[in-house]
Protein backbone atom coordinates (compact mmCIF):
# COMPACT_ATOMS: atom_id res chain seq x y z
CA MET A 1 -30.63 -38.84 -2.71
CA VAL A 2 -28.60 -37.54 0.42
CA ARG A 3 -25.17 -36.36 -0.21
CA THR A 4 -22.78 -38.97 1.22
CA LEU A 5 -19.71 -37.20 3.41
CA ASN A 6 -16.40 -36.92 1.95
CA ASN A 7 -14.21 -37.74 4.98
CA SER A 8 -15.22 -41.27 5.92
CA ARG A 9 -13.78 -40.41 9.36
CA ASP A 10 -16.42 -38.21 10.28
CA PRO A 11 -16.53 -37.14 13.97
CA ILE A 12 -19.09 -39.58 14.30
CA SER A 13 -17.32 -42.36 13.26
CA LEU A 14 -14.29 -41.46 15.26
CA MET A 15 -16.47 -41.17 18.30
CA ASN A 16 -17.83 -44.83 18.04
CA VAL A 17 -14.13 -45.52 17.85
CA LEU A 18 -13.01 -43.85 21.14
CA LYS A 19 -15.99 -46.22 22.66
CA GLN A 20 -14.49 -49.13 21.57
CA ILE A 21 -10.79 -47.73 22.89
CA LEU A 22 -11.23 -45.57 25.83
CA PRO A 23 -12.99 -47.60 28.77
CA SER A 24 -10.11 -50.92 28.62
CA GLY A 25 -8.36 -51.21 32.39
CA THR A 26 -10.96 -48.78 33.78
CA VAL A 27 -13.39 -49.01 37.06
CA LEU A 28 -15.99 -47.68 34.47
CA ALA A 29 -15.60 -51.23 32.61
CA ASP A 30 -15.14 -53.31 35.78
CA LEU A 31 -18.18 -52.50 36.84
CA SER A 32 -20.17 -52.53 33.80
CA PRO A 33 -21.77 -55.50 32.78
CA SER A 34 -20.11 -56.42 30.01
CA GLY A 35 -17.07 -56.28 31.78
CA ASN A 36 -15.25 -53.92 28.73
CA GLY A 37 -17.03 -51.01 29.30
CA THR A 38 -18.68 -50.43 26.03
CA ASP A 39 -22.24 -50.52 27.45
CA ARG A 40 -21.52 -47.39 30.06
CA MET A 41 -20.18 -45.11 26.85
CA TYR A 42 -22.57 -43.59 24.84
CA VAL A 43 -22.18 -41.36 21.35
CA LYS A 44 -24.19 -38.20 21.52
CA ASN A 45 -26.99 -39.93 23.90
CA LYS A 46 -27.49 -38.24 27.23
CA ALA A 47 -30.93 -39.50 27.24
CA ALA A 48 -29.51 -42.90 26.59
CA LEU A 49 -26.83 -42.30 29.63
CA GLY A 50 -29.21 -42.04 32.00
CA GLN A 51 -31.06 -44.94 31.73
CA SER A 52 -27.77 -46.73 32.53
CA GLY A 53 -25.71 -47.65 35.45
CA PHE A 54 -22.91 -45.58 37.04
CA PRO A 55 -20.32 -44.59 36.23
CA ALA A 56 -20.94 -43.64 32.73
CA CYS A 57 -18.95 -41.75 30.06
CA LEU A 58 -20.74 -39.20 27.51
CA ILE A 59 -18.83 -38.72 24.09
CA ASP A 60 -19.48 -35.83 22.33
CA THR A 61 -18.42 -33.38 19.58
CA GLY A 62 -16.68 -30.01 20.33
CA GLU A 63 -16.00 -28.04 17.45
CA TYR A 64 -14.75 -29.86 14.08
CA THR A 65 -12.47 -27.61 11.45
CA GLY A 66 -11.56 -28.55 7.63
CA SER A 67 -8.89 -26.84 5.70
CA ILE A 68 -7.69 -27.55 2.64
CA ALA A 69 -4.03 -29.13 2.15
CA SER A 70 -3.84 -28.83 -1.56
CA HIS A 71 -5.94 -29.01 -4.49
CA ALA A 72 -8.78 -31.83 -3.96
CA LEU A 73 -6.90 -32.93 -0.36
CA PHE A 74 -8.49 -31.79 3.23
CA GLU A 75 -7.10 -32.12 6.60
CA GLY A 76 -9.52 -32.53 9.54
CA TYR A 77 -9.36 -31.37 13.11
CA ALA A 78 -11.83 -32.34 15.62
CA ILE A 79 -11.92 -31.64 19.34
CA ILE A 80 -13.89 -34.83 21.15
CA SER A 81 -15.58 -34.49 24.67
CA VAL A 82 -15.59 -37.50 27.10
CA ARG A 83 -17.89 -36.37 30.01
CA TYR A 84 -17.46 -39.19 33.05
CA TYR A 85 -20.22 -39.48 34.84
CA ASN A 86 -20.64 -40.47 38.36
CA ARG A 87 -23.91 -39.62 40.93
CA TRP A 88 -23.32 -39.84 44.76
CA GLU A 89 -26.84 -40.53 46.28
CA ALA A 90 -26.86 -44.26 45.31
CA THR A 91 -23.44 -44.96 46.70
CA ASN A 92 -21.71 -45.07 50.37
CA VAL A 93 -18.62 -43.67 48.88
CA THR A 94 -17.57 -39.97 49.58
CA ILE A 95 -18.22 -37.29 46.72
CA SER A 96 -14.44 -36.55 47.16
CA GLN A 97 -13.63 -40.14 46.51
CA LEU A 98 -15.88 -40.57 43.14
CA GLU A 99 -14.18 -37.17 41.76
CA LEU A 100 -11.18 -38.97 42.21
CA ASP A 101 -12.32 -42.14 40.99
CA ALA A 102 -13.13 -40.03 38.09
CA TYR A 103 -10.27 -38.37 37.24
CA VAL A 104 -8.14 -41.11 37.48
CA ASP A 105 -10.29 -43.07 35.19
CA LEU A 106 -9.58 -40.54 32.43
CA LEU A 107 -5.91 -40.47 33.32
CA ARG A 108 -6.45 -44.54 32.43
CA MET A 109 -8.82 -43.64 28.78
CA ALA A 110 -5.95 -40.99 28.10
CA ALA A 111 -3.29 -43.63 28.58
CA ASN A 112 -5.36 -45.78 26.42
CA VAL A 113 -4.90 -43.22 23.44
CA GLU A 114 -1.52 -42.63 24.17
CA ASP A 115 -0.54 -46.34 23.51
CA ASN A 116 -2.92 -46.39 20.57
CA ASN A 117 -2.54 -42.80 18.97
CA THR A 118 -3.92 -43.27 15.53
CA LEU A 119 -6.75 -45.23 17.03
CA ILE A 120 -6.43 -47.96 15.20
CA TYR A 121 -9.59 -50.49 15.10
CA GLN A 122 -10.40 -53.25 13.37
CA GLY A 123 -6.74 -52.95 11.46
CA SER A 124 -6.99 -49.84 10.28
CA GLU A 125 -5.66 -46.29 11.43
CA LYS A 126 -8.48 -43.83 12.01
CA VAL A 127 -6.74 -40.54 12.81
CA VAL A 128 -3.25 -39.21 11.96
CA SER A 129 -2.77 -38.78 15.80
CA VAL A 130 -4.33 -37.16 19.00
CA PRO A 131 -1.24 -35.19 20.05
CA VAL A 132 -3.17 -33.37 23.05
CA TYR A 133 -5.74 -33.85 25.30
CA LYS A 134 -6.85 -31.84 28.09
CA ILE A 135 -8.76 -32.90 31.30
CA ALA A 136 -10.57 -30.06 32.89
CA GLN A 137 -9.75 -29.38 36.49
CA THR A 138 -12.69 -29.38 38.48
CA PRO A 139 -15.89 -31.89 38.33
CA VAL A 140 -19.25 -30.19 37.18
CA PRO A 141 -22.18 -30.82 39.31
CA ASP A 142 -25.30 -31.86 36.26
CA ASP A 143 -28.79 -32.23 36.96
CA THR A 144 -30.14 -31.93 32.95
CA ILE A 145 -29.77 -36.22 32.67
CA PRO A 146 -33.38 -36.95 32.37
CA GLY A 147 -34.47 -38.66 35.84
CA ILE A 148 -31.23 -38.21 37.75
CA LYS A 149 -30.19 -35.94 40.02
CA ASN A 150 -27.00 -35.53 42.29
CA ALA A 151 -24.81 -36.29 39.10
CA PHE A 152 -21.37 -35.00 38.44
CA PHE A 153 -18.83 -34.84 35.19
CA GLN A 154 -15.25 -34.77 35.01
CA GLU A 155 -14.45 -33.93 31.13
CA MET A 156 -11.57 -34.66 29.04
CA PHE A 157 -11.18 -33.45 25.62
CA LEU A 158 -9.24 -34.76 23.11
CA PHE A 159 -7.41 -32.72 19.87
CA ILE A 160 -7.75 -35.28 17.36
CA ASN A 161 -5.82 -34.55 13.56
CA VAL A 162 -8.20 -36.45 11.08
CA LEU A 163 -6.38 -38.53 8.16
CA PRO A 164 -6.06 -36.69 4.78
CA TYR A 165 -8.95 -37.27 2.91
CA ASP A 166 -9.96 -35.92 -0.81
CA ASN A 167 -13.39 -34.10 -2.10
CA ALA A 168 -14.41 -37.10 -4.14
């Protein structure tokens, strides 16, 4: 029998919640077929991102740390990476403008987290808080997406305090 996780708010479930919260009000959302951007947000699936239109985001895990708070109570700390991808050969917009657009959309996503700091989704809080976020200064070229050349990403890291959980 496969063991269940102690923490129902594990990094994978948090990334799926972030997929719903982050794109609201962004250019990524406006350019997506759905109009809400969730169809351009990929959780740990870079291959699917390469099959989509651009811009698109890859949400991935960084470090996850668990620590004991009391006899059977644990606390978790997660770092989630949000990579905002775009490519420049398929547009007549300058590279500088695409990079600026990615940076500004990440600021919009950060504002969505600031406005919903406990990541309330479907009526329940998913985390204690997202006390820190960091947006990397420099875009990074990325030719590792299957079938895609001339792509780059701008990255944001979300530092998350997970709700306490027990080991039962």
